[in-house]
Amino acid sequence: MSGNRVLISKILVLDDGIAHFDSLKLLCEEYGLVGIKPQQVGAEAVMAILKSNVDLG
């Protein structure tokens, strides 16, 4: 095999505070992470993501 391969992993982001957004974004960019954030607040929204067969790393 030739060429470089990049490993990208998805993570579930539960922190919805704007104060941490820039830090989380930089962390994700640095380590090849893709943050997935629930559109709504609450356990039901988190469980909907977990049940949707999203590949989280």
PDB file of N, CA and C in Angstrom:
ATOM      1  N   MET A   1       0.840  -1.182   0.000  1.00  0.00           N
ATOM      2  CA  MET A   1       0.000   0.000   0.000  1.00  0.00           C
ATOM      3  C   MET A   1       0.880   1.238   0.000  1.00  0.00           C
ATOM      4  N   SER A   2       0.450   2.211  -0.715  1.00  0.00           N
ATOM      5  CA  SER A   2       1.211   3.448  -0.743  1.00  0.00           C
ATOM      6  C   SER A   2       0.339   4.602  -0.286  1.00  0.00           C
ATOM      7  N   GLY A   3       0.987   5.705   0.086  1.00  0.00           N
ATOM      8  CA  GLY A   3       0.248   6.878   0.537  1.00  0.00           C
ATOM      9  C   GLY A   3       0.030   6.881   2.035  1.00  0.00           C
ATOM     10  N   ASN A   4      -0.265   8.029   2.518  1.00  0.00           N
ATOM     11  CA  ASN A   4      -0.535   8.184   3.949  1.00  0.00           C
ATOM     12  C   ASN A   4      -2.019   8.026   4.214  1.00  0.00           C
ATOM     13  N   ARG A   5      -2.324   7.363   5.271  1.00  0.00           N
ATOM     14  CA  ARG A   5      -3.716   7.205   5.694  1.00  0.00           C
ATOM     15  C   ARG A   5      -3.919   8.019   6.963  1.00  0.00           C
ATOM     16  N   VAL A   6      -5.067   8.619   7.047  1.00  0.00           N
ATOM     17  CA  VAL A   6      -5.402   9.430   8.209  1.00  0.00           C
ATOM     18  C   VAL A   6      -6.553   8.759   8.947  1.00  0.00           C
ATOM     19  N   LEU A   7      -6.349   8.545  10.218  1.00  0.00           N
ATOM     20  CA  LEU A   7      -7.381   7.961  11.053  1.00  0.00           C
ATOM     21  C   LEU A   7      -8.244   9.080  11.626  1.00  0.00           C
ATOM     22  N   ILE A   8      -9.535   8.976  11.421  1.00  0.00           N
ATOM     23  CA  ILE A   8     -10.480   9.963  11.942  1.00  0.00           C
ATOM     24  C   ILE A   8     -11.477   9.223  12.816  1.00  0.00           C
ATOM     25  N   SER A   9     -11.738   9.762  13.980  1.00  0.00           N
ATOM     26  CA  SER A   9     -12.653   9.136  14.920  1.00  0.00           C
ATOM     27  C   SER A   9     -13.739  10.125  15.317  1.00  0.00           C
ATOM     28  N   LYS A  10     -14.955   9.637  15.476  1.00  0.00           N
ATOM     29  CA  LYS A  10     -16.073  10.479  15.896  1.00  0.00           C
ATOM     30  C   LYS A  10     -16.228  10.370  17.412  1.00  0.00           C
ATOM     31  N   ILE A  11     -16.526  11.508  18.021  1.00  0.00           N
ATOM     32  CA  ILE A  11     -16.770  11.534  19.465  1.00  0.00           C
ATOM     33  C   ILE A  11     -18.092  12.236  19.740  1.00  0.00           C
ATOM     34  N   LEU A  12     -18.729  11.846  20.797  1.00  0.00           N
ATOM     35  CA  LEU A  12     -19.983  12.466  21.212  1.00  0.00           C
ATOM     36  C   LEU A  12     -19.657  13.615  22.158  1.00  0.00           C
ATOM     37  N   VAL A  13     -20.054  14.821  21.779  1.00  0.00           N
ATOM     38  CA  VAL A  13     -19.774  16.018  22.572  1.00  0.00           C
ATOM     39  C   VAL A  13     -21.033  16.398  23.334  1.00  0.00           C
ATOM     40  N   LEU A  14     -20.941  16.354  24.660  1.00  0.00           N
ATOM     41  CA  LEU A  14     -22.099  16.680  25.494  1.00  0.00           C
ATOM     42  C   LEU A  14     -22.016  18.076  26.097  1.00  0.00           C
ATOM     43  N   ASP A  15     -20.874  18.716  25.990  1.00  0.00           N
ATOM     44  CA  ASP A  15     -20.694  20.065  26.533  1.00  0.00           C
ATOM     45  C   ASP A  15     -21.268  21.061  25.534  1.00  0.00           C
ATOM     46  N   ASP A  16     -22.315  21.772  25.939  1.00  0.00           N
ATOM     47  CA  ASP A  16     -22.917  22.749  25.032  1.00  0.00           C
ATOM     48  C   ASP A  16     -22.543  24.188  25.404  1.00  0.00           C
ATOM     49  N   GLY A  17     -21.563  24.340  26.290  1.00  0.00           N
ATOM     50  CA  GLY A  17     -21.131  25.675  26.695  1.00  0.00           C
ATOM     51  C   GLY A  17     -20.282  26.348  25.628  1.00  0.00           C
ATOM     52  N   ILE A  18     -20.597  27.567  25.331  1.00  0.00           N
ATOM     53  CA  ILE A  18     -19.862  28.323  24.327  1.00  0.00           C
ATOM     54  C   ILE A  18     -18.430  28.610  24.793  1.00  0.00           C
ATOM     55  N   ALA A  19     -18.216  28.613  26.097  1.00  0.00           N
ATOM     56  CA  ALA A  19     -16.891  28.911  26.646  1.00  0.00           C
ATOM     57  C   ALA A  19     -15.856  27.865  26.238  1.00  0.00           C
ATOM     58  N   HIS A  20     -16.278  26.637  26.022  1.00  0.00           N
ATOM     59  CA  HIS A  20     -15.350  25.556  25.688  1.00  0.00           C
ATOM     60  C   HIS A  20     -15.313  25.219  24.205  1.00  0.00           C
ATOM     61  N   PHE A  21     -16.136  25.880  23.415  1.00  0.00           N
ATOM     62  CA  PHE A  21     -16.260  25.531  22.002  1.00  0.00           C
ATOM     63  C   PHE A  21     -14.924  25.615  21.267  1.00  0.00           C
ATOM     64  N   ASP A  22     -14.208  26.708  21.417  1.00  0.00           N
ATOM     65  CA  ASP A  22     -12.934  26.885  20.704  1.00  0.00           C
ATOM     66  C   ASP A  22     -11.903  25.834  21.128  1.00  0.00           C
ATOM     67  N   SER A  23     -11.852  25.541  22.411  1.00  0.00           N
ATOM     68  CA  SER A  23     -10.905  24.534  22.900  1.00  0.00           C
ATOM     69  C   SER A  23     -11.236  23.150  22.353  1.00  0.00           C
ATOM     70  N   LEU A  24     -12.510  22.795  22.344  1.00  0.00           N
ATOM     71  CA  LEU A  24     -12.924  21.502  21.810  1.00  0.00           C
ATOM     72  C   LEU A  24     -12.655  21.405  20.312  1.00  0.00           C
ATOM     73  N   LYS A  25     -12.888  22.496  19.610  1.00  0.00           N
ATOM     74  CA  LYS A  25     -12.650  22.515  18.167  1.00  0.00           C
ATOM     75  C   LYS A  25     -11.166  22.300  17.868  1.00  0.00           C
ATOM     76  N   LEU A  26     -10.304  22.982  18.598  1.00  0.00           N
ATOM     77  CA  LEU A  26      -8.856  22.812  18.403  1.00  0.00           C
ATOM     78  C   LEU A  26      -8.409  21.391  18.742  1.00  0.00           C
ATOM     79  N   LEU A  27      -8.925  20.847  19.816  1.00  0.00           N
ATOM     80  CA  LEU A  27      -8.597  19.478  20.206  1.00  0.00           C
ATOM     81  C   LEU A  27      -8.993  18.489  19.104  1.00  0.00           C
ATOM     82  N   CYS A  28     -10.185  18.657  18.585  1.00  0.00           N
ATOM     83  CA  CYS A  28     -10.662  17.769  17.524  1.00  0.00           C
ATOM     84  C   CYS A  28      -9.795  17.884  16.274  1.00  0.00           C
ATOM     85  N   GLU A  29      -9.462  19.092  15.889  1.00  0.00           N
ATOM     86  CA  GLU A  29      -8.618  19.287  14.709  1.00  0.00           C
ATOM     87  C   GLU A  29      -7.236  18.684  14.908  1.00  0.00           C
ATOM     88  N   GLU A  30      -6.672  18.847  16.092  1.00  0.00           N
ATOM     89  CA  GLU A  30      -5.320  18.359  16.370  1.00  0.00           C
ATOM     90  C   GLU A  30      -5.236  16.836  16.349  1.00  0.00           C
ATOM     91  N   TYR A  31      -6.264  16.164  16.842  1.00  0.00           N
ATOM     92  CA  TYR A  31      -6.216  14.710  16.983  1.00  0.00           C
ATOM     93  C   TYR A  31      -7.076  13.957  15.969  1.00  0.00           C
ATOM     94  N   GLY A  32      -7.577  14.633  14.967  1.00  0.00           N
ATOM     95  CA  GLY A  32      -8.361  13.957  13.941  1.00  0.00           C
ATOM     96  C   GLY A  32      -9.694  13.451  14.445  1.00  0.00           C
ATOM     97  N   LEU A  33     -10.356  14.243  15.251  1.00  0.00           N
ATOM     98  CA  LEU A  33     -11.646  13.872  15.814  1.00  0.00           C
ATOM     99  C   LEU A  33     -12.765  14.674  15.162  1.00  0.00           C
ATOM    100  N   VAL A  34     -13.917  14.059  15.051  1.00  0.00           N
ATOM    101  CA  VAL A  34     -15.106  14.743  14.553  1.00  0.00           C
ATOM    102  C   VAL A  34     -16.121  14.733  15.683  1.00  0.00           C
ATOM    103  N   GLY A  35     -16.465  15.905  16.151  1.00  0.00           N
ATOM    104  CA  GLY A  35     -17.424  16.008  17.246  1.00  0.00           C
ATOM    105  C   GLY A  35     -18.854  15.910  16.760  1.00  0.00           C
ATOM    106  N   ILE A  36     -19.625  15.053  17.395  1.00  0.00           N
ATOM    107  CA  ILE A  36     -21.048  14.927  17.106  1.00  0.00           C
ATOM    108  C   ILE A  36     -21.793  15.428  18.336  1.00  0.00           C
ATOM    109  N   LYS A  37     -22.636  16.428  18.121  1.00  0.00           N
ATOM    110  CA  LYS A  37     -23.328  17.071  19.229  1.00  0.00           C
ATOM    111  C   LYS A  37     -24.834  16.917  19.053  1.00  0.00           C
ATOM    112  N   PRO A  38     -25.542  16.498  20.087  1.00  0.00           N
ATOM    113  CA  PRO A  38     -27.004  16.396  19.983  1.00  0.00           C
ATOM    114  C   PRO A  38     -27.619  17.760  19.665  1.00  0.00           C
ATOM    115  N   GLN A  39     -28.641  17.763  18.826  1.00  0.00           N
ATOM    116  CA  GLN A  39     -29.308  19.005  18.458  1.00  0.00           C
ATOM    117  C   GLN A  39     -30.177  19.536  19.592  1.00  0.00           C
ATOM    118  N   GLN A  40     -30.611  18.634  20.470  1.00  0.00           N
ATOM    119  CA  GLN A  40     -31.453  19.025  21.592  1.00  0.00           C
ATOM    120  C   GLN A  40     -30.775  18.620  22.895  1.00  0.00           C
ATOM    121  N   VAL A  41     -31.156  19.275  23.977  1.00  0.00           N
ATOM    122  CA  VAL A  41     -30.598  18.975  25.290  1.00  0.00           C
ATOM    123  C   VAL A  41     -31.406  17.851  25.931  1.00  0.00           C
ATOM    124  N   GLY A  42     -30.713  16.969  26.616  1.00  0.00           N
ATOM    125  CA  GLY A  42     -31.407  15.935  27.377  1.00  0.00           C
ATOM    126  C   GLY A  42     -30.960  14.541  27.018  1.00  0.00           C
ATOM    127  N   ALA A  43     -31.291  13.634  27.909  1.00  0.00           N
ATOM    128  CA  ALA A  43     -30.883  12.236  27.765  1.00  0.00           C
ATOM    129  C   ALA A  43     -31.509  11.588  26.538  1.00  0.00           C
ATOM    130  N   GLU A  44     -32.709  11.992  26.180  1.00  0.00           N
ATOM    131  CA  GLU A  44     -33.380  11.390  25.023  1.00  0.00           C
ATOM    132  C   GLU A  44     -32.617  11.686  23.733  1.00  0.00           C
ATOM    133  N   ALA A  45     -32.105  12.890  23.591  1.00  0.00           N
ATOM    134  CA  ALA A  45     -31.343  13.252  22.393  1.00  0.00           C
ATOM    135  C   ALA A  45     -30.039  12.465  22.318  1.00  0.00           C
ATOM    136  N   VAL A  46     -29.384  12.280  23.454  1.00  0.00           N
ATOM    137  CA  VAL A  46     -28.140  11.507  23.502  1.00  0.00           C
ATOM    138  C   VAL A  46     -28.416  10.052  23.158  1.00  0.00           C
ATOM    139  N   MET A  47     -29.462   9.496  23.721  1.00  0.00           N
ATOM    140  CA  MET A  47     -29.799   8.104  23.442  1.00  0.00           C
ATOM    141  C   MET A  47     -30.186   7.909  21.976  1.00  0.00           C
ATOM    142  N   ALA A  48     -30.816   8.901  21.369  1.00  0.00           N
ATOM    143  CA  ALA A  48     -31.173   8.800  19.956  1.00  0.00           C
ATOM    144  C   ALA A  48     -29.916   8.693  19.091  1.00  0.00           C
ATOM    145  N   ILE A  49     -28.870   9.437  19.438  1.00  0.00           N
ATOM    146  CA  ILE A  49     -27.615   9.352  18.702  1.00  0.00           C
ATOM    147  C   ILE A  49     -26.977   7.990  18.924  1.00  0.00           C
ATOM    148  N   LEU A  50     -26.941   7.533  20.152  1.00  0.00           N
ATOM    149  CA  LEU A  50     -26.313   6.247  20.452  1.00  0.00           C
ATOM    150  C   LEU A  50     -27.053   5.080  19.782  1.00  0.00           C
ATOM    151  N   LYS A  51     -28.351   5.192  19.648  1.00  0.00           N
ATOM    152  CA  LYS A  51     -29.134   4.127  19.014  1.00  0.00           C
ATOM    153  C   LYS A  51     -29.108   4.190  17.493  1.00  0.00           C
ATOM    154  N   SER A  52     -28.585   5.267  16.936  1.00  0.00           N
ATOM    155  CA  SER A  52     -28.615   5.451  15.470  1.00  0.00           C
ATOM    156  C   SER A  52     -27.466   4.752  14.757  1.00  0.00           C
ATOM    157  N   ASN A  53     -26.697   3.961  15.470  1.00  0.00           N
ATOM    158  CA  ASN A  53     -25.580   3.217  14.885  1.00  0.00           C
ATOM    159  C   ASN A  53     -24.472   4.124  14.346  1.00  0.00           C
ATOM    160  N   VAL A  54     -24.296   5.259  14.951  1.00  0.00           N
ATOM    161  CA  VAL A  54     -23.185   6.130  14.596  1.00  0.00           C
ATOM    162  C   VAL A  54     -21.908   5.471  15.100  1.00  0.00           C
ATOM    163  N   ASP A  55     -20.910   5.395  14.245  1.00  0.00           N
ATOM    164  CA  ASP A  55     -19.628   4.805  14.641  1.00  0.00           C
ATOM    165  C   ASP A  55     -18.851   5.812  15.471  1.00  0.00           C
ATOM    166  N   LEU A  56     -18.838   5.608  16.774  1.00  0.00           N
ATOM    167  CA  LEU A  56     -18.071   6.482  17.656  1.00  0.00           C
ATOM    168  C   LEU A  56     -16.756   5.796  17.978  1.00  0.00           C
ATOM    169  N   GLY A  57     -15.678   6.599  18.008  1.00  0.00           N
ATOM    170  CA  GLY A  57     -14.367   6.008  18.254  1.00  0.00           C
ATOM    171  C   GLY A  57     -13.922   6.159  19.658  1.00  0.00           C
TER     172      GLY A  57
END
